[in-house]
Protein backbone atom coordinates (compact mmCIF):
# COMPACT_ATOMS: atom_id res chain seq x y z
CA UNK A 1 -51.05 69.56 11.25
CA UNK A 2 -49.52 66.64 13.25
CA UNK A 3 -45.91 67.27 14.69
CA UNK A 4 -43.16 66.36 13.04
CA UNK A 5 -41.50 63.19 14.36
CA UNK A 6 -38.41 63.51 16.18
CA UNK A 7 -35.44 61.35 16.07
CA UNK A 8 -34.43 59.04 19.05
CA UNK A 9 -31.59 60.78 21.22
CA UNK A 10 -29.09 57.82 20.15
CA UNK A 11 -30.14 58.89 16.38
CA UNK A 12 -29.15 62.38 17.03
CA UNK A 13 -25.99 61.61 18.40
CA UNK A 14 -24.73 59.17 15.55
CA UNK A 15 -22.34 60.32 13.06
CA UNK A 16 -22.54 58.66 9.37
CA UNK A 17 -19.16 57.20 7.90
CA UNK A 18 -16.97 60.28 7.34
CA UNK A 19 -14.72 57.03 4.48
CA UNK A 20 -17.92 56.09 2.98
CA UNK A 21 -19.30 59.73 2.50
CA UNK A 22 -16.26 60.69 0.94
CA UNK A 23 -15.84 58.00 -1.46
CA UNK A 24 -19.87 58.34 -2.69
CA UNK A 25 -18.55 61.85 -2.90
CA UNK A 26 -15.66 61.21 -5.10
CA UNK A 27 -17.31 59.06 -7.38
CA UNK A 28 -20.51 61.42 -7.59
CA UNK A 29 -18.25 64.06 -9.10
CA UNK A 30 -16.57 61.69 -11.57
CA UNK A 31 -19.96 60.73 -12.54
CA UNK A 32 -21.00 64.73 -13.13
CA UNK A 33 -17.69 64.87 -15.20
CA UNK A 34 -14.97 66.29 -12.94
CA UNK A 35 -11.01 65.16 -12.85
CA UNK A 36 -11.11 62.95 -9.92
CA UNK A 37 -8.59 61.04 -8.16
CA UNK A 38 -9.43 59.14 -5.31
CA UNK A 39 -7.04 57.80 -2.52
CA UNK A 40 -9.93 57.92 -0.27
CA UNK A 41 -11.41 54.60 -0.13
CA UNK A 42 -9.91 51.39 1.54
CA UNK A 43 -11.13 48.57 -1.27
CA UNK A 44 -8.57 46.74 -2.86
CA UNK A 45 -9.05 47.57 -6.25
CA UNK A 46 -8.67 43.81 -7.51
CA UNK A 47 -11.54 41.91 -8.34
CA UNK A 48 -12.28 38.88 -6.32
CA UNK A 49 -10.30 35.80 -7.16
CA UNK A 50 -12.15 33.41 -9.45
CA UNK A 51 -12.19 30.17 -7.73
CA UNK A 52 -14.06 32.73 -5.04
CA UNK A 53 -16.75 33.97 -7.62
CA UNK A 54 -17.21 30.11 -9.03
CA UNK A 55 -17.73 28.34 -5.63
CA UNK A 56 -20.70 30.91 -4.69
CA UNK A 57 -22.37 31.55 -8.70
CA UNK A 58 -22.21 27.24 -8.17
CA UNK A 59 -24.07 27.25 -4.10
CA UNK A 60 -26.75 29.42 -6.16
CA UNK A 61 -27.49 27.18 -9.13
CA UNK A 62 -27.43 24.48 -6.39
CA UNK A 63 -30.06 26.37 -4.98
CA UNK A 64 -28.13 27.90 -1.87
CA UNK A 65 -31.16 30.88 -1.95
CA UNK A 66 -32.81 29.57 1.37
CA UNK A 67 -33.22 31.09 4.79
CA UNK A 68 -29.77 29.75 6.44
CA UNK A 69 -28.51 29.44 10.17
CA UNK A 70 -28.59 32.93 11.82
CA UNK A 71 -24.94 32.14 12.67
CA UNK A 72 -23.97 31.30 9.45
CA UNK A 73 -23.22 28.26 7.62
CA UNK A 74 -21.69 25.29 9.47
CA UNK A 75 -19.17 24.49 7.51
CA UNK A 76 -18.15 28.09 7.06
CA UNK A 77 -18.33 28.22 10.86
CA UNK A 78 -16.37 25.16 11.35
CA UNK A 79 -13.77 26.55 8.53
CA UNK A 80 -13.19 29.62 10.05
CA UNK A 81 -12.53 27.71 13.37
CA UNK A 82 -10.33 25.26 11.85
CA UNK A 83 -8.42 28.81 10.05
CA UNK A 84 -8.54 30.14 13.66
CA UNK A 85 -6.81 27.47 15.13
CA UNK A 86 -4.42 26.15 12.93
CA UNK A 87 -3.39 30.05 11.50
CA UNK A 88 -3.47 31.69 14.33
CA UNK A 89 -2.92 30.10 17.23
CA UNK A 90 -6.00 30.17 18.71
CA UNK A 91 -8.22 26.92 19.95
CA UNK A 92 -11.06 27.57 18.41
CA UNK A 93 -15.00 25.60 18.04
CA UNK A 94 -17.53 26.17 15.51
CA UNK A 95 -19.90 27.11 18.49
CA UNK A 96 -17.61 29.89 18.97
CA UNK A 97 -17.74 31.58 15.86
CA UNK A 98 -20.71 33.95 14.48
CA UNK A 99 -20.48 35.11 10.52
CA UNK A 100 -21.68 38.95 10.22
CA UNK A 101 -22.59 41.18 7.26
CA UNK A 102 -19.02 42.29 7.39
CA UNK A 103 -16.82 43.02 10.27
CA UNK A 104 -18.74 46.19 11.30
CA UNK A 105 -21.78 43.99 12.02
CA UNK A 106 -19.67 41.30 14.00
CA UNK A 107 -17.99 44.52 16.39
CA UNK A 108 -21.89 46.08 16.59
CA UNK A 109 -23.04 42.94 17.67
CA UNK A 110 -20.54 42.36 20.43
CA UNK A 111 -20.87 45.98 21.52
CA UNK A 112 -24.31 45.21 22.08
CA UNK A 113 -24.59 42.51 24.07
CA UNK A 114 -21.60 43.10 25.95
CA UNK A 115 -21.56 47.22 27.04
CA UNK A 116 -24.37 49.29 28.39
CA UNK A 117 -24.47 52.31 29.85
CA UNK A 118 -21.59 53.31 33.11
CA UNK A 119 -19.53 50.97 30.86
CA UNK A 120 -16.35 52.60 29.58
CA UNK A 121 -14.55 51.72 26.20
CA UNK A 122 -10.31 51.85 25.95
CA UNK A 123 -9.41 53.17 22.73
CA UNK A 124 -6.38 53.60 21.41
CA UNK A 125 -6.14 56.59 19.36
CA UNK A 126 -5.72 57.31 16.40
CA UNK A 127 -8.68 54.71 15.74
CA UNK A 128 -11.21 53.37 12.66
CA UNK A 129 -13.96 55.74 12.95
CA UNK A 130 -16.80 53.40 13.46
CA UNK A 131 -15.62 52.77 16.79
CA UNK A 132 -16.57 55.53 19.07
CA UNK A 133 -19.78 55.34 17.02
CA UNK A 134 -20.64 51.64 17.67
CA UNK A 135 -20.03 52.28 21.15
CA UNK A 136 -21.63 54.98 22.24
CA UNK A 137 -24.68 53.20 20.26
CA UNK A 138 -24.28 50.48 22.86
CA UNK A 139 -24.78 53.21 25.49
CA UNK A 140 -20.87 53.19 26.80
CA UNK A 141 -18.66 55.90 26.98
CA UNK A 142 -14.90 55.83 25.44
CA UNK A 143 -11.80 57.04 26.72
CA UNK A 144 -8.53 57.87 24.13
CA UNK A 145 -5.80 56.57 24.87
CA UNK A 146 -4.00 59.24 22.42
CA UNK A 147 -0.68 58.15 20.61
CA UNK A 148 1.72 59.62 17.92
CA UNK A 149 3.68 59.21 15.23
CA UNK A 150 7.18 60.06 17.88
CA UNK A 151 5.51 56.74 19.41
CA UNK A 152 5.10 54.92 16.64
CA UNK A 153 1.26 55.05 16.93
CA UNK A 154 1.64 52.15 19.84
CA UNK A 155 0.27 51.43 22.62
CA UNK A 156 2.20 51.70 25.31
CA UNK A 157 1.43 48.93 28.63
CA UNK A 158 1.92 51.87 31.15
CA UNK A 159 -0.49 53.98 29.35
CA UNK A 160 -3.13 51.33 29.54
CA UNK A 161 -2.47 50.90 33.32
CA UNK A 162 -3.13 54.63 34.28
CA UNK A 163 -6.34 54.28 32.14
CA UNK A 164 -8.45 51.57 33.34
CA UNK A 165 -10.56 52.37 36.12
CA UNK A 166 -13.73 50.23 37.68
CA UNK A 167 -16.13 51.45 34.50
CA UNK A 168 -13.17 49.76 31.52
CA UNK A 169 -15.09 47.26 30.58
CA UNK A 170 -13.51 46.51 27.12
CA UNK A 171 -10.21 47.32 25.25
CA UNK A 172 -9.77 47.41 21.75
CA UNK A 173 -6.87 46.71 19.59
CA UNK A 174 -6.73 46.59 15.94
CA UNK A 175 -3.71 45.24 14.20
CA UNK A 176 -2.58 45.79 11.38
CA UNK A 177 -3.97 49.90 11.85
CA UNK A 178 -6.59 52.08 10.64
CA UNK A 179 -5.74 54.64 9.75
CA UNK A 180 -1.62 54.51 10.70
CA UNK A 181 -0.70 50.98 9.70
CA UNK A 182 0.73 50.54 13.13
CA UNK A 183 1.70 46.76 13.54
CA UNK A 184 1.57 45.65 17.21
CA UNK A 185 4.44 43.08 18.06
CA UNK A 186 4.45 40.19 20.09
CA UNK A 187 6.53 41.83 22.91
CA UNK A 188 3.45 44.88 22.94
CA UNK A 189 1.01 42.27 23.12
CA UNK A 190 3.00 40.68 26.10
CA UNK A 191 3.27 44.31 27.88
CA UNK A 192 -0.24 44.49 27.02
CA UNK A 193 -1.45 41.12 28.60
CA UNK A 194 0.69 41.68 31.76
CA UNK A 195 -1.60 44.55 32.11
CA UNK A 196 -4.70 43.13 31.72
CA UNK A 197 -3.68 40.06 33.90
CA UNK A 198 -4.04 42.97 36.75
CA UNK A 199 -7.54 43.58 35.78
CA UNK A 200 -9.77 40.76 35.36
CA UNK A 201 -12.90 42.95 34.50
CA UNK A 202 -11.55 44.20 31.23
CA UNK A 203 -12.32 42.48 27.78
CA UNK A 204 -10.65 43.10 24.42
CA UNK A 205 -11.66 42.96 21.12
CA UNK A 206 -8.63 42.15 18.51
CA UNK A 207 -9.57 43.81 14.99
CA UNK A 208 -7.54 41.97 12.63
CA UNK A 209 -9.10 42.57 8.98
CA UNK A 210 -5.62 43.25 7.57
CA UNK A 211 -4.00 40.37 9.23
CA UNK A 212 -2.46 39.34 5.88
CA UNK A 213 -1.38 43.07 4.70
CA UNK A 214 1.92 43.36 6.22
CA UNK A 215 5.14 45.78 5.11
CA UNK A 216 8.26 42.86 5.25
CA UNK A 217 10.19 42.46 8.42
CA UNK A 218 6.70 42.71 10.31
CA UNK A 219 4.16 40.17 11.33
CA UNK A 220 0.89 39.62 12.93
CA UNK A 221 0.21 37.90 15.93
CA UNK A 222 -3.26 36.93 17.32
CA UNK A 223 -3.63 38.19 21.21
CA UNK A 224 -5.24 35.33 22.32
CA UNK A 225 -2.55 33.32 20.56
CA UNK A 226 0.75 35.40 22.82
CA UNK A 227 -2.06 35.57 26.17
CA UNK A 228 -3.98 32.01 25.93
CA UNK A 229 -4.80 32.36 29.57
CA UNK A 230 -7.01 35.21 28.92
CA UNK A 231 -8.64 33.72 26.23
CA UNK A 232 -11.94 33.74 27.86
CA UNK A 233 -12.28 37.33 27.61
CA UNK A 234 -10.90 38.15 24.39
CA UNK A 235 -13.03 38.44 21.27
CA UNK A 236 -11.67 38.42 17.51
CA UNK A 237 -13.53 40.23 14.49
CA UNK A 238 -12.34 39.70 10.82
CA UNK A 239 -13.81 39.03 7.72
CA UNK A 240 -13.33 37.93 3.53
CA UNK A 241 -12.94 42.47 2.80
CA UNK A 242 -9.50 43.29 2.30
CA UNK A 243 -7.21 40.08 2.48
CA UNK A 244 -9.48 38.47 -0.62
CA UNK A 245 -10.94 41.94 -2.48
CA UNK A 246 -14.42 40.58 -1.09
CA UNK A 247 -15.78 44.10 0.28
CA UNK A 248 -19.22 43.81 -1.48
CA UNK A 249 -19.46 40.43 -0.29
CA UNK A 250 -20.00 41.89 3.19
CA UNK A 251 -18.93 38.56 5.07
CA UNK A 252 -17.25 39.12 8.97
CA UNK A 253 -16.91 36.91 11.86
CA UNK A 254 -16.90 36.78 15.18
CA UNK A 255 -15.01 34.28 17.24
CA UNK A 256 -14.33 34.13 21.40
CA UNK A 257 -15.90 33.12 24.49
CA UNK A 258 -19.67 30.40 23.84
CA UNK A 259 -21.89 32.59 25.79
CA UNK A 260 -21.40 35.81 24.11
CA UNK A 261 -21.38 34.59 20.93
CA UNK A 262 -24.30 32.65 21.71
CA UNK A 263 -25.55 36.16 22.72
CA UNK A 264 -24.63 38.06 19.49
CA UNK A 265 -26.19 35.41 17.15
CA UNK A 266 -29.38 35.97 18.95
CA UNK A 267 -29.26 39.47 18.39
CA UNK A 268 -28.45 38.42 14.90
CA UNK A 269 -31.38 36.27 14.53
CA UNK A 270 -33.40 38.92 15.60
CA UNK A 271 -31.87 41.95 13.27
CA UNK A 272 -30.33 41.10 9.66
CA UNK A 273 -30.56 37.03 9.99
CA UNK A 274 -28.22 35.06 8.08
CA UNK A 275 -25.44 36.48 5.89
CA UNK A 276 -26.53 36.10 2.06
CA UNK A 277 -26.88 31.73 1.93
CA UNK A 278 -24.28 31.57 -1.46
CA UNK A 279 -22.39 34.05 -0.47
CA UNK A 280 -21.39 32.33 2.47
CA UNK A 281 -19.89 29.33 0.17
CA UNK A 282 -17.67 31.51 -1.97
CA UNK A 283 -16.18 32.65 1.53
CA UNK A 284 -16.07 29.33 2.57
CA UNK A 285 -14.05 28.58 -0.68
CA UNK A 286 -12.03 31.59 0.35
CA UNK A 287 -11.14 30.60 3.97
CA UNK A 288 -10.55 26.68 3.29
CA UNK A 289 -8.51 27.27 0.11
CA UNK A 290 -4.44 28.28 -1.20
CA UNK A 291 -3.31 31.86 -0.09
CA UNK A 292 -1.60 32.22 -2.91
CA UNK A 293 -3.87 34.74 -4.06
CA UNK A 294 -3.71 36.59 -0.74
CA UNK A 295 -0.30 36.48 -0.87
CA UNK A 296 -0.25 37.88 -4.47
CA UNK A 297 -2.02 40.64 -3.74
CA UNK A 298 -0.14 41.61 -0.24
CA UNK A 299 2.53 41.90 -2.52
CA UNK A 300 0.96 44.44 -4.52
CA UNK A 301 -0.17 46.29 -1.44
CA UNK A 302 3.64 46.35 0.00
CA UNK A 303 4.70 47.93 -3.37
CA UNK A 304 2.39 50.08 -3.63
CA UNK A 305 2.61 51.23 0.08
CA UNK A 306 6.54 52.25 -0.52
CA UNK A 307 5.30 54.06 -3.28
CA UNK A 308 3.27 56.15 -1.50
CA UNK A 309 5.23 56.31 1.61
CA UNK A 310 7.91 57.53 -0.37
CA UNK A 311 6.08 60.01 -2.19
CA UNK A 312 4.62 61.85 0.95
CA UNK A 313 8.15 61.81 2.61
CA UNK A 314 9.69 63.43 -0.41
CA UNK A 315 6.72 66.33 0.17
CA UNK A 316 8.29 69.02 1.34
CA UNK A 317 6.20 69.73 5.14
CA UNK A 318 4.75 66.51 5.32
CA UNK A 319 6.10 63.88 7.96
CA UNK A 320 5.40 60.81 8.02
CA UNK A 321 6.38 57.77 10.05
CA UNK A 322 6.30 54.78 7.72
CA UNK A 323 3.43 52.08 7.66
CA UNK A 324 4.04 48.80 8.61
CA UNK A 325 1.02 47.07 7.53
CA UNK A 326 -2.71 47.35 6.00
CA UNK A 327 -3.03 49.73 2.73
CA UNK A 328 -2.83 53.94 4.27
CA UNK A 329 -0.61 55.91 5.13
CA UNK A 330 -1.58 59.00 7.76
CA UNK A 331 1.08 61.58 7.44
CA UNK A 332 0.94 64.95 9.83
CA UNK A 333 0.71 67.89 7.19
CA UNK A 334 -0.45 70.42 10.29
CA UNK A 335 2.51 72.36 9.14
CA UNK A 336 0.32 74.39 6.26
CA UNK A 337 -1.42 75.45 8.92
CA UNK A 338 -5.14 74.30 8.17
CA UNK A 339 -7.13 71.53 9.89
CA UNK A 340 -7.90 68.32 7.96
CA UNK A 341 -11.22 68.94 7.03
CA UNK A 342 -10.05 72.01 5.51
CA UNK A 343 -6.96 70.70 4.00
CA UNK A 344 -9.27 67.97 2.27
CA UNK A 345 -11.69 69.73 1.09
CA UNK A 346 -9.24 72.51 -0.52
CA UNK A 347 -7.44 69.33 -2.19
CA UNK A 348 -11.31 68.01 -3.40
CA UNK A 349 -12.19 71.70 -5.14
CA UNK A 350 -8.95 72.28 -6.30
CA UNK A 351 -6.96 69.85 -7.77
CA UNK A 352 -9.58 66.88 -7.38
CA UNK A 353 -7.78 64.68 -4.90
CA UNK A 354 -10.13 62.94 -2.55
CA UNK A 355 -8.30 62.12 0.79
CA UNK A 356 -9.95 62.02 4.16
CA UNK A 357 -9.53 64.13 6.67
CA UNK A 358 -7.99 63.04 10.16
CA UNK A 359 -10.10 64.73 12.36
CA UNK A 360 -12.41 61.45 11.42
CA UNK A 361 -10.05 59.08 13.48
CA UNK A 362 -8.71 61.17 16.19
CA UNK A 363 -6.13 63.19 15.05
CA UNK A 364 -6.86 66.51 13.14
CA UNK A 365 -2.85 67.60 12.18
CA UNK A 366 -3.19 64.36 9.68
CA UNK A 367 -5.04 62.98 6.56
CA UNK A 368 -5.67 59.35 5.50
CA UNK A 369 -4.51 58.50 1.59
CA UNK A 370 -5.29 54.88 0.78
CA UNK A 371 -2.71 52.68 -1.35
CA UNK A 372 -5.36 50.08 -2.28
CA UNK A 373 -5.15 51.77 -5.48
CA UNK A 374 -3.13 51.23 -8.68
CA UNK A 375 0.37 52.67 -8.81
CA UNK A 376 -0.89 55.23 -11.66
CA UNK A 377 -3.39 56.43 -9.20
CA UNK A 378 -1.21 56.84 -6.88
CA UNK A 379 1.82 58.84 -8.49
CA UNK A 380 -1.60 60.75 -10.14
CA UNK A 381 -2.49 61.49 -6.17
CA UNK A 382 0.86 62.48 -5.02
CA UNK A 383 1.35 64.80 -7.51
CA UNK A 384 -2.10 66.47 -6.97
CA UNK A 385 -1.56 66.37 -3.69
CA UNK A 386 2.03 68.35 -4.38
CA UNK A 387 0.54 71.09 -6.61
CA UNK A 388 -1.83 71.63 -4.20
CA UNK A 389 0.27 72.05 -1.48
CA UNK A 390 2.76 74.24 -2.90
CA UNK A 391 0.50 76.93 -3.23
CA UNK A 392 -0.19 77.28 0.66
């Protein structure tokens, strides 16, 4: 009898995405007839705007169904470069842009070509759960820079300065943040830039996927625009999933120094090759078109974020610092005496509420709830949460 196949060490160390697993479990239970309310997925419940769908359909009918350049359609790369230059204040040319299968692949490609064994990734915590996995897949180690609600979930300049070692290769910034909704101010970014000027061996990747989703009174600032003198070691990752409600289209981008973007493009040419050709024309329409639809959806998310925030803050024993952007709330529920996995399991089993345990994001005191759902669903979820917590 042949010996069983064994997985590689990196495969054995890899953890599947808990957010995707919980969303899939909620859908399965619903299909089995369970009454499930899901506030777990970071997926807008809006349809992709009609003009974007039309552009993709017309591209399909026009014959854009063949292989394309691995780095992306030239028109789309140029449109993204124009957007970054004009909207974000980051001077960018098309050869500094790689079109990827979602923002996650942009991060994967960057980590693969930039990191290796012995390198260290500096990761503010709480963090989006894929960052450490992607770093470890590249052979790098991860150093967490913890923060909590009392400090506004902000990375402090002095904390960053103390954490940097000769092995530090890459700092990850995510603003607006998943899961906390924290938004880095211009002053925050200027303080971080001052630290990095003293450490020229540290590069930065800025995940700006939620740039359009901001609570009133808050603004998004691209780090490369705040510190243009550091542009030769700043990378931007973004995509169409959140702002344009295009999650299933799987189109993102990586922008930054040419040599690294070229290496990431070469990696993509040997892995997935080009992003779906006709879908890229939908993305081209999105990034080149008016922002009315983006603004309208963002306004809806603002209302829903307020609804979720006020509802959570009204529940005894729940502590929440109001999120400033994205579409999540990350309340501290440790007063109830359960770890986040146990509480989320109880919520799903007892009241049919699907949310994500904070341990997946580096903070076991918290749970993550999404307001990328209708107000009716949010109110339903808040009611289920309160009923369950009242029994503890």
